[in-house]
Amino acid sequence: MHLRKITVDEAYDKDTYAKKLAMLTTGFSGADIENICNEGAIMAARGNKESVTIRAFELATERVIAGIEKSMPKNEV
């Protein structure tokens, strides 16, 4: 459902991407999965890619789970 509007790499079909996302997102809400799909598309766009790869979805999953890295002020290190 969340992959409908996303152009995925032609190395695999959308069913393969859906199965990989299902494995990566066990127990996630629909909103979390949609967030991962969007984040994967953003990562691909930042890399000037025309499609989203499985690796982009893996990195997006890590980013959603761990959150965006925040820099700490120097005096708190």
PDB file of N, CA and C in Angstrom:
ATOM      1  N   MET A   1       0.811  -1.188   0.000  1.00  0.00           N
ATOM      2  CA  MET A   1       0.000   0.000   0.000  1.00  0.00           C
ATOM      3  C   MET A   1       0.860   1.260   0.000  1.00  0.00           C
ATOM      4  N   HIS A   2       1.870   1.299   0.852  1.00  0.00           N
ATOM      5  CA  HIS A   2       2.700   2.494   0.965  1.00  0.00           C
ATOM      6  C   HIS A   2       3.697   2.633  -0.180  1.00  0.00           C
ATOM      7  N   LEU A   3       3.913   1.564  -0.912  1.00  0.00           N
ATOM      8  CA  LEU A   3       4.872   1.599  -2.019  1.00  0.00           C
ATOM      9  C   LEU A   3       4.249   2.035  -3.342  1.00  0.00           C
ATOM     10  N   ARG A   4       2.942   2.197  -3.382  1.00  0.00           N
ATOM     11  CA  ARG A   4       2.271   2.512  -4.647  1.00  0.00           C
ATOM     12  C   ARG A   4       2.836   3.743  -5.341  1.00  0.00           C
ATOM     13  N   LYS A   5       3.084   4.800  -4.602  1.00  0.00           N
ATOM     14  CA  LYS A   5       3.509   6.067  -5.198  1.00  0.00           C
ATOM     15  C   LYS A   5       5.025   6.202  -5.307  1.00  0.00           C
ATOM     16  N   ILE A   6       5.755   5.184  -4.870  1.00  0.00           N
ATOM     17  CA  ILE A   6       7.212   5.260  -4.857  1.00  0.00           C
ATOM     18  C   ILE A   6       7.784   4.483  -6.029  1.00  0.00           C
ATOM     19  N   THR A   7       8.731   5.095  -6.728  1.00  0.00           N
ATOM     20  CA  THR A   7       9.426   4.416  -7.812  1.00  0.00           C
ATOM     21  C   THR A   7      10.580   3.638  -7.206  1.00  0.00           C
ATOM     22  N   VAL A   8      10.497   2.314  -7.284  1.00  0.00           N
ATOM     23  CA  VAL A   8      11.542   1.469  -6.720  1.00  0.00           C
ATOM     24  C   VAL A   8      12.492   1.016  -7.823  1.00  0.00           C
ATOM     25  N   ASP A   9      13.685   0.661  -7.406  1.00  0.00           N
ATOM     26  CA  ASP A   9      14.705   0.187  -8.331  1.00  0.00           C
ATOM     27  C   ASP A   9      14.200  -1.052  -9.067  1.00  0.00           C
ATOM     28  N   GLU A  10      14.536  -1.175 -10.318  1.00  0.00           N
ATOM     29  CA  GLU A  10      14.043  -2.277 -11.149  1.00  0.00           C
ATOM     30  C   GLU A  10      14.759  -3.599 -10.909  1.00  0.00           C
ATOM     31  N   ALA A  11      15.701  -3.614  -9.970  1.00  0.00           N
ATOM     32  CA  ALA A  11      16.401  -4.861  -9.668  1.00  0.00           C
ATOM     33  C   ALA A  11      15.441  -5.918  -9.126  1.00  0.00           C
ATOM     34  N   TYR A  12      14.380  -5.463  -8.437  1.00  0.00           N
ATOM     35  CA  TYR A  12      13.373  -6.359  -7.878  1.00  0.00           C
ATOM     36  C   TYR A  12      11.992  -5.807  -8.198  1.00  0.00           C
ATOM     37  N   ASP A  13      10.979  -6.665  -8.103  1.00  0.00           N
ATOM     38  CA  ASP A  13       9.613  -6.179  -8.304  1.00  0.00           C
ATOM     39  C   ASP A  13       9.062  -5.640  -6.979  1.00  0.00           C
ATOM     40  N   LYS A  14       7.914  -4.978  -7.050  1.00  0.00           N
ATOM     41  CA  LYS A  14       7.353  -4.345  -5.846  1.00  0.00           C
ATOM     42  C   LYS A  14       6.996  -5.368  -4.776  1.00  0.00           C
ATOM     43  N   ASP A  15       6.645  -6.597  -5.165  1.00  0.00           N
ATOM     44  CA  ASP A  15       6.347  -7.629  -4.170  1.00  0.00           C
ATOM     45  C   ASP A  15       7.568  -7.947  -3.319  1.00  0.00           C
ATOM     46  N   THR A  16       8.744  -7.975  -3.932  1.00  0.00           N
ATOM     47  CA  THR A  16       9.978  -8.225  -3.198  1.00  0.00           C
ATOM     48  C   THR A  16      10.253  -7.090  -2.221  1.00  0.00           C
ATOM     49  N   TYR A  17      10.044  -5.859  -2.666  1.00  0.00           N
ATOM     50  CA  TYR A  17      10.218  -4.719  -1.774  1.00  0.00           C
ATOM     51  C   TYR A  17       9.226  -4.777  -0.619  1.00  0.00           C
ATOM     52  N   ALA A  18       7.988  -5.153  -0.905  1.00  0.00           N
ATOM     53  CA  ALA A  18       6.965  -5.241   0.138  1.00  0.00           C
ATOM     54  C   ALA A  18       7.342  -6.308   1.180  1.00  0.00           C
ATOM     55  N   LYS A  19       7.848  -7.457   0.708  1.00  0.00           N
ATOM     56  CA  LYS A  19       8.267  -8.511   1.636  1.00  0.00           C
ATOM     57  C   LYS A  19       9.444  -8.069   2.486  1.00  0.00           C
ATOM     58  N   LYS A  20      10.392  -7.367   1.888  1.00  0.00           N
ATOM     59  CA  LYS A  20      11.552  -6.865   2.636  1.00  0.00           C
ATOM     60  C   LYS A  20      11.106  -5.848   3.686  1.00  0.00           C
ATOM     61  N   LEU A  21      10.210  -4.944   3.300  1.00  0.00           N
ATOM     62  CA  LEU A  21       9.689  -3.969   4.258  1.00  0.00           C
ATOM     63  C   LEU A  21       8.942  -4.660   5.386  1.00  0.00           C
ATOM     64  N   ALA A  22       8.196  -5.706   5.074  1.00  0.00           N
ATOM     65  CA  ALA A  22       7.467  -6.450   6.103  1.00  0.00           C
ATOM     66  C   ALA A  22       8.439  -7.066   7.106  1.00  0.00           C
ATOM     67  N   MET A  23       9.561  -7.585   6.613  1.00  0.00           N
ATOM     68  CA  MET A  23      10.575  -8.161   7.503  1.00  0.00           C
ATOM     69  C   MET A  23      11.229  -7.077   8.361  1.00  0.00           C
ATOM     70  N   LEU A  24      11.474  -5.918   7.780  1.00  0.00           N
ATOM     71  CA  LEU A  24      12.143  -4.834   8.501  1.00  0.00           C
ATOM     72  C   LEU A  24      11.235  -4.167   9.536  1.00  0.00           C
ATOM     73  N   THR A  25       9.932  -4.235   9.327  1.00  0.00           N
ATOM     74  CA  THR A  25       9.013  -3.421  10.124  1.00  0.00           C
ATOM     75  C   THR A  25       8.021  -4.239  10.934  1.00  0.00           C
ATOM     76  N   THR A  26       8.402  -5.413  11.372  1.00  0.00           N
ATOM     77  CA  THR A  26       7.511  -6.240  12.182  1.00  0.00           C
ATOM     78  C   THR A  26       7.103  -5.473  13.435  1.00  0.00           C
ATOM     79  N   GLY A  27       5.811  -5.352  13.650  1.00  0.00           N
ATOM     80  CA  GLY A  27       5.302  -4.672  14.831  1.00  0.00           C
ATOM     81  C   GLY A  27       5.161  -3.165  14.687  1.00  0.00           C
ATOM     82  N   PHE A  28       5.508  -2.622  13.542  1.00  0.00           N
ATOM     83  CA  PHE A  28       5.403  -1.179  13.321  1.00  0.00           C
ATOM     84  C   PHE A  28       3.973  -0.806  12.980  1.00  0.00           C
ATOM     85  N   SER A  29       3.602   0.425  13.277  1.00  0.00           N
ATOM     86  CA  SER A  29       2.291   0.927  12.874  1.00  0.00           C
ATOM     87  C   SER A  29       2.328   1.293  11.392  1.00  0.00           C
ATOM     88  N   GLY A  30       1.155   1.489  10.817  1.00  0.00           N
ATOM     89  CA  GLY A  30       1.076   1.913   9.425  1.00  0.00           C
ATOM     90  C   GLY A  30       1.762   3.249   9.207  1.00  0.00           C
ATOM     91  N   ALA A  31       1.643   4.140  10.190  1.00  0.00           N
ATOM     92  CA  ALA A  31       2.286   5.454  10.090  1.00  0.00           C
ATOM     93  C   ALA A  31       3.802   5.318  10.075  1.00  0.00           C
ATOM     94  N   ASP A  32       4.340   4.390  10.876  1.00  0.00           N
ATOM     95  CA  ASP A  32       5.789   4.160  10.888  1.00  0.00           C
ATOM     96  C   ASP A  32       6.269   3.631   9.543  1.00  0.00           C
ATOM     97  N   ILE A  33       5.510   2.720   8.964  1.00  0.00           N
ATOM     98  CA  ILE A  33       5.884   2.148   7.668  1.00  0.00           C
ATOM     99  C   ILE A  33       5.824   3.222   6.586  1.00  0.00           C
ATOM    100  N   GLU A  34       4.805   4.046   6.627  1.00  0.00           N
ATOM    101  CA  GLU A  34       4.712   5.140   5.662  1.00  0.00           C
ATOM    102  C   GLU A  34       5.886   6.103   5.833  1.00  0.00           C
ATOM    103  N   ASN A  35       6.265   6.361   7.069  1.00  0.00           N
ATOM    104  CA  ASN A  35       7.407   7.230   7.352  1.00  0.00           C
ATOM    105  C   ASN A  35       8.694   6.641   6.774  1.00  0.00           C
ATOM    106  N   ILE A  36       8.870   5.343   6.888  1.00  0.00           N
ATOM    107  CA  ILE A  36      10.058   4.675   6.330  1.00  0.00           C
ATOM    108  C   ILE A  36      10.052   4.787   4.804  1.00  0.00           C
ATOM    109  N   CYS A  37       8.912   4.585   4.188  1.00  0.00           N
ATOM    110  CA  CYS A  37       8.821   4.717   2.729  1.00  0.00           C
ATOM    111  C   CYS A  37       9.176   6.131   2.290  1.00  0.00           C
ATOM    112  N   ASN A  38       8.635   7.118   2.989  1.00  0.00           N
ATOM    113  CA  ASN A  38       8.934   8.512   2.654  1.00  0.00           C
ATOM    114  C   ASN A  38      10.397   8.844   2.891  1.00  0.00           C
ATOM    115  N   GLU A  39      10.949   8.365   3.988  1.00  0.00           N
ATOM    116  CA  GLU A  39      12.355   8.630   4.309  1.00  0.00           C
ATOM    117  C   GLU A  39      13.268   7.971   3.273  1.00  0.00           C
ATOM    118  N   GLY A  40      12.921   6.761   2.832  1.00  0.00           N
ATOM    119  CA  GLY A  40      13.689   6.093   1.786  1.00  0.00           C
ATOM    120  C   GLY A  40      13.679   6.890   0.492  1.00  0.00           C
ATOM    121  N   ALA A  41      12.513   7.448   0.149  1.00  0.00           N
ATOM    122  CA  ALA A  41      12.403   8.269  -1.057  1.00  0.00           C
ATOM    123  C   ALA A  41      13.218   9.550  -0.920  1.00  0.00           C
ATOM    124  N   ILE A  42      13.218  10.140   0.259  1.00  0.00           N
ATOM    125  CA  ILE A  42      14.015  11.348   0.494  1.00  0.00           C
ATOM    126  C   ILE A  42      15.496  11.041   0.362  1.00  0.00           C
ATOM    127  N   MET A  43      15.941   9.913   0.930  1.00  0.00           N
ATOM    128  CA  MET A  43      17.354   9.525   0.833  1.00  0.00           C
ATOM    129  C   MET A  43      17.756   9.307  -0.626  1.00  0.00           C
ATOM    130  N   ALA A  44      16.890   8.680  -1.394  1.00  0.00           N
ATOM    131  CA  ALA A  44      17.182   8.458  -2.810  1.00  0.00           C
ATOM    132  C   ALA A  44      17.283   9.788  -3.546  1.00  0.00           C
ATOM    133  N   ALA A  45      16.372  10.698  -3.240  1.00  0.00           N
ATOM    134  CA  ALA A  45      16.390  12.008  -3.898  1.00  0.00           C
ATOM    135  C   ALA A  45      17.651  12.790  -3.543  1.00  0.00           C
ATOM    136  N   ARG A  46      18.066  12.709  -2.295  1.00  0.00           N
ATOM    137  CA  ARG A  46      19.300  13.400  -1.886  1.00  0.00           C
ATOM    138  C   ARG A  46      20.524  12.836  -2.590  1.00  0.00           C
ATOM    139  N   GLY A  47      20.461  11.553  -2.931  1.00  0.00           N
ATOM    140  CA  GLY A  47      21.557  10.914  -3.643  1.00  0.00           C
ATOM    141  C   GLY A  47      21.416  11.013  -5.149  1.00  0.00           C
ATOM    142  N   ASN A  48      20.490  11.849  -5.610  1.00  0.00           N
ATOM    143  CA  ASN A  48      20.224  12.036  -7.042  1.00  0.00           C
ATOM    144  C   ASN A  48      19.870  10.731  -7.751  1.00  0.00           C
ATOM    145  N   LYS A  49      19.186   9.851  -7.053  1.00  0.00           N
ATOM    146  CA  LYS A  49      18.725   8.592  -7.639  1.00  0.00           C
ATOM    147  C   LYS A  49      17.310   8.789  -8.166  1.00  0.00           C
ATOM    148  N   GLU A  50      16.960   8.067  -9.199  1.00  0.00           N
ATOM    149  CA  GLU A  50      15.619   8.165  -9.764  1.00  0.00           C
ATOM    150  C   GLU A  50      14.671   7.136  -9.170  1.00  0.00           C
ATOM    151  N   SER A  51      15.209   6.192  -8.393  1.00  0.00           N
ATOM    152  CA  SER A  51      14.381   5.171  -7.764  1.00  0.00           C
ATOM    153  C   SER A  51      14.955   4.833  -6.392  1.00  0.00           C
ATOM    154  N   VAL A  52      14.138   4.170  -5.589  1.00  0.00           N
ATOM    155  CA  VAL A  52      14.519   3.817  -4.229  1.00  0.00           C
ATOM    156  C   VAL A  52      14.992   2.365  -4.209  1.00  0.00           C
ATOM    157  N   THR A  53      16.115   2.120  -3.561  1.00  0.00           N
ATOM    158  CA  THR A  53      16.669   0.767  -3.466  1.00  0.00           C
ATOM    159  C   THR A  53      16.308   0.146  -2.117  1.00  0.00           C
ATOM    160  N   ILE A  54      16.535  -1.140  -2.007  1.00  0.00           N
ATOM    161  CA  ILE A  54      16.304  -1.831  -0.734  1.00  0.00           C
ATOM    162  C   ILE A  54      17.219  -1.242   0.331  1.00  0.00           C
ATOM    163  N   ARG A  55      18.433  -0.905  -0.026  1.00  0.00           N
ATOM    164  CA  ARG A  55      19.375  -0.325   0.936  1.00  0.00           C
ATOM    165  C   ARG A  55      18.838   0.995   1.495  1.00  0.00           C
ATOM    166  N   ALA A  56      18.198   1.792   0.656  1.00  0.00           N
ATOM    167  CA  ALA A  56      17.620   3.054   1.125  1.00  0.00           C
ATOM    168  C   ALA A  56      16.524   2.780   2.157  1.00  0.00           C
ATOM    169  N   PHE A  57      15.723   1.742   1.938  1.00  0.00           N
ATOM    170  CA  PHE A  57      14.690   1.388   2.914  1.00  0.00           C
ATOM    171  C   PHE A  57      15.315   0.881   4.217  1.00  0.00           C
ATOM    172  N   GLU A  58      16.419   0.142   4.110  1.00  0.00           N
ATOM    173  CA  GLU A  58      17.111  -0.326   5.319  1.00  0.00           C
ATOM    174  C   GLU A  58      17.639   0.852   6.127  1.00  0.00           C
ATOM    175  N   LEU A  59      18.275   1.800   5.448  1.00  0.00           N
ATOM    176  CA  LEU A  59      18.792   2.986   6.135  1.00  0.00           C
ATOM    177  C   LEU A  59      17.662   3.830   6.708  1.00  0.00           C
ATOM    178  N   ALA A  60      16.573   3.925   5.987  1.00  0.00           N
ATOM    179  CA  ALA A  60      15.417   4.686   6.475  1.00  0.00           C
ATOM    180  C   ALA A  60      14.836   4.034   7.726  1.00  0.00           C
ATOM    181  N   THR A  61      14.809   2.702   7.757  1.00  0.00           N
ATOM    182  CA  THR A  61      14.314   1.993   8.939  1.00  0.00           C
ATOM    183  C   THR A  61      15.182   2.296  10.146  1.00  0.00           C
ATOM    184  N   GLU A  62      16.488   2.263   9.964  1.00  0.00           N
ATOM    185  CA  GLU A  62      17.402   2.598  11.059  1.00  0.00           C
ATOM    186  C   GLU A  62      17.171   4.018  11.543  1.00  0.00           C
ATOM    187  N   ARG A  63      16.967   4.911  10.616  1.00  0.00           N
ATOM    188  CA  ARG A  63      16.765   6.319  10.969  1.00  0.00           C
ATOM    189  C   ARG A  63      15.460   6.519  11.740  1.00  0.00           C
ATOM    190  N   VAL A  64      14.405   5.825  11.324  1.00  0.00           N
ATOM    191  CA  VAL A  64      13.119   5.952  12.014  1.00  0.00           C
ATOM    192  C   VAL A  64      13.194   5.328  13.414  1.00  0.00           C
ATOM    193  N   ILE A  65      13.866   4.192  13.528  1.00  0.00           N
ATOM    194  CA  ILE A  65      13.993   3.531  14.833  1.00  0.00           C
ATOM    195  C   ILE A  65      14.840   4.365  15.785  1.00  0.00           C
ATOM    196  N   ALA A  66      15.994   4.801  15.319  1.00  0.00           N
ATOM    197  CA  ALA A  66      16.945   5.509  16.189  1.00  0.00           C
ATOM    198  C   ALA A  66      16.672   7.002  16.260  1.00  0.00           C
ATOM    199  N   GLY A  67      15.953   7.538  15.308  1.00  0.00           N
ATOM    200  CA  GLY A  67      15.717   8.971  15.267  1.00  0.00           C
ATOM    201  C   GLY A  67      16.848   9.674  14.545  1.00  0.00           C
ATOM    202  N   ILE A  68      16.639  10.940  14.299  1.00  0.00           N
ATOM    203  CA  ILE A  68      17.646  11.743  13.618  1.00  0.00           C
ATOM    204  C   ILE A  68      18.769  12.033  14.598  1.00  0.00           C
ATOM    205  N   GLU A  69      19.995  11.869  14.127  1.00  0.00           N
ATOM    206  CA  GLU A  69      21.154  12.129  14.973  1.00  0.00           C
ATOM    207  C   GLU A  69      21.194  13.600  15.361  1.00  0.00           C
ATOM    208  N   LYS A  70      21.382  13.830  16.646  1.00  0.00           N
ATOM    209  CA  LYS A  70      21.444  15.199  17.143  1.00  0.00           C
ATOM    210  C   LYS A  70      22.852  15.476  17.620  1.00  0.00           C
ATOM    211  N   SER A  71      23.326  16.673  17.343  1.00  0.00           N
ATOM    212  CA  SER A  71      24.657  17.024  17.813  1.00  0.00           C
ATOM    213  C   SER A  71      24.544  17.561  19.233  1.00  0.00           C
ATOM    214  N   MET A  72      25.514  17.197  20.043  1.00  0.00           N
ATOM    215  CA  MET A  72      25.500  17.647  21.439  1.00  0.00           C
ATOM    216  C   MET A  72      26.365  18.890  21.574  1.00  0.00           C
ATOM    217  N   PRO A  73      25.948  19.799  22.436  1.00  0.00           N
ATOM    218  CA  PRO A  73      26.790  20.973  22.707  1.00  0.00           C
ATOM    219  C   PRO A  73      28.130  20.518  23.272  1.00  0.00           C
ATOM    220  N   LYS A  74      29.186  21.237  23.000  1.00  0.00           N
ATOM    221  CA  LYS A  74      30.534  20.841  23.415  1.00  0.00           C
ATOM    222  C   LYS A  74      30.649  20.708  24.921  1.00  0.00           C
ATOM    223  N   ASN A  75      29.940  21.506  25.668  1.00  0.00           N
ATOM    224  CA  ASN A  75      30.076  21.457  27.123  1.00  0.00           C
ATOM    225  C   ASN A  75      29.341  20.266  27.753  1.00  0.00           C
ATOM    226  N   GLU A  76      28.593  19.500  26.989  1.00  0.00           N
ATOM    227  CA  GLU A  76      27.882  18.341  27.521  1.00  0.00           C
ATOM    228  C   GLU A  76      28.575  17.031  27.194  1.00  0.00           C
ATOM    229  N   VAL A  77      29.703  17.050  26.534  1.00  0.00           N
ATOM    230  CA  VAL A  77      30.390  15.816  26.157  1.00  0.00           C
ATOM    231  C   VAL A  77      31.251  15.340  27.276  1.00  0.00           C
TER     232      VAL A  77
END
